[in-house]
Amino acid sequence: MCDLKFNIWVHRDKRTYYYSNGAIISLTKGRQVRYPGTFHIGFILDNEKKVNEIYQRLKENGFDVNPPQRLHAWTFYVKAPGGFKVEVLCRSKRVEENMGS
């Protein structure tokens, strides 16, 4: 379970944005939606154990998902219903220090 709390504000061009802890989600309408090949939504978790637990739950529920691996973080990707990519990850302290977090 992920507890996300969002503050809502409307941009001057009438698109609605949701903001929470540095993440912004823009909801817009369009007849033909085309995402760039690298488009994805990421969820940063507190530790590797939580990443592993989410992976296991997805696997047990029939999602085609490869196990987490160490790339830019302890991470895995899964294709969500609707066809877009979701990343689940946990950054190490070393990665956060290099990013200035």
Protein backbone atom coordinates (compact mmCIF):
# COMPACT_ATOMS: atom_id res chain seq x y z
CA MET A 1 0.00 0.00 0.00
CA CYS A 2 1.34 3.42 -0.94
CA ASP A 3 -0.07 6.45 0.84
CA LEU A 4 0.16 9.37 -1.59
CA LYS A 5 -1.20 12.78 -0.65
CA PHE A 6 -1.53 15.37 -3.40
CA ASN A 7 -2.11 19.09 -3.44
CA ILE A 8 -4.13 20.10 -6.50
CA TRP A 9 -3.61 23.24 -8.52
CA VAL A 10 -4.74 24.32 -11.97
CA HIS A 11 -2.30 25.82 -14.46
CA ARG A 12 -3.32 28.91 -16.47
CA ASP A 13 -3.86 26.76 -19.58
CA LYS A 14 -6.52 24.79 -17.63
CA ARG A 15 -4.59 21.53 -17.35
CA THR A 16 -4.83 20.02 -13.90
CA TYR A 17 -1.66 19.13 -12.05
CA TYR A 18 -1.21 17.08 -8.92
CA TYR A 19 1.89 17.74 -6.83
CA SER A 20 3.36 15.66 -4.02
CA ASN A 21 6.89 15.47 -2.62
CA GLY A 22 8.56 16.70 -5.80
CA ALA A 23 6.39 14.66 -8.22
CA ILE A 24 4.09 16.34 -10.69
CA ILE A 25 1.37 14.57 -12.63
CA SER A 26 -0.28 16.43 -15.50
CA LEU A 27 -3.68 15.17 -16.64
CA THR A 28 -4.64 16.25 -20.13
CA LYS A 29 -7.10 15.15 -22.77
CA GLY A 30 -6.07 14.23 -26.28
CA ARG A 31 -7.40 12.26 -29.21
CA GLN A 32 -4.10 10.56 -30.06
CA VAL A 33 -1.64 10.08 -27.24
CA ARG A 34 1.94 9.15 -28.10
CA TYR A 35 4.52 8.83 -25.37
CA PRO A 36 8.27 8.96 -26.00
CA GLY A 37 9.94 5.55 -25.81
CA THR A 38 11.53 6.39 -22.45
CA PHE A 39 8.30 7.62 -20.82
CA HIS A 40 7.52 5.96 -17.52
CA ILE A 41 6.16 6.60 -14.04
CA GLY A 42 8.49 5.85 -11.14
CA PHE A 43 7.80 5.04 -7.51
CA ILE A 44 10.74 5.54 -5.15
CA LEU A 45 10.48 3.31 -2.10
CA ASP A 46 12.33 3.51 1.23
CA ASN A 47 14.40 0.35 0.93
CA GLU A 48 15.28 -2.64 -1.22
CA LYS A 49 13.07 -4.97 0.81
CA LYS A 50 9.98 -2.97 -0.23
CA VAL A 51 11.07 -3.09 -3.89
CA ASN A 52 11.45 -6.87 -3.62
CA GLU A 53 8.03 -7.20 -1.96
CA ILE A 54 6.28 -5.24 -4.73
CA TYR A 55 8.10 -7.31 -7.36
CA GLN A 56 6.99 -10.55 -5.66
CA ARG A 57 3.37 -9.41 -5.41
CA LEU A 58 3.29 -8.46 -9.10
CA LYS A 59 4.89 -11.78 -10.10
CA GLU A 60 2.40 -13.75 -7.96
CA ASN A 61 -0.47 -11.85 -9.59
CA GLY A 62 0.57 -12.80 -13.11
CA PHE A 63 2.49 -9.74 -14.30
CA ASP A 64 5.33 -10.34 -16.74
CA VAL A 65 8.13 -8.70 -14.76
CA ASN A 66 11.88 -9.27 -14.53
CA PRO A 67 13.48 -9.31 -11.06
CA PRO A 68 15.00 -6.16 -9.57
CA GLN A 69 18.58 -5.39 -10.53
CA ARG A 70 21.18 -2.81 -9.66
CA LEU A 71 21.25 -0.16 -12.38
CA HIS A 72 20.97 3.50 -11.39
CA ALA A 73 19.19 2.15 -8.29
CA TRP A 74 17.77 -1.17 -7.03
CA THR A 75 15.00 -1.22 -9.61
CA PHE A 76 12.64 -3.06 -11.91
CA TYR A 77 10.18 -2.06 -14.63
CA VAL A 78 6.77 -3.47 -15.41
CA LYS A 79 4.30 -2.73 -18.18
CA ALA A 80 1.06 -1.48 -16.64
CA PRO A 81 -2.44 -1.97 -18.00
CA GLY A 82 -2.77 0.66 -20.71
CA GLY A 83 0.71 -0.05 -22.05
CA PHE A 84 2.92 2.42 -20.23
CA LYS A 85 6.00 1.55 -18.20
CA VAL A 86 6.20 1.74 -14.40
CA GLU A 87 9.49 1.74 -12.49
CA VAL A 88 9.76 0.67 -8.86
CA LEU A 89 13.06 1.58 -7.22
CA CYS A 90 15.07 2.35 -4.13
CA ARG A 91 18.08 4.64 -4.41
CA SER A 92 21.12 3.87 -2.35
CA LYS A 93 22.57 6.57 -0.11
CA ARG A 94 25.57 6.79 -2.47
CA VAL A 95 23.28 7.54 -5.43
CA GLU A 96 21.37 10.17 -3.41
CA GLU A 97 24.63 11.83 -2.34
CA ASN A 98 25.76 12.02 -5.97
CA MET A 99 22.42 13.58 -6.91
CA GLY A 100 22.65 16.14 -4.12
CA SER A 101 19.62 14.76 -2.24
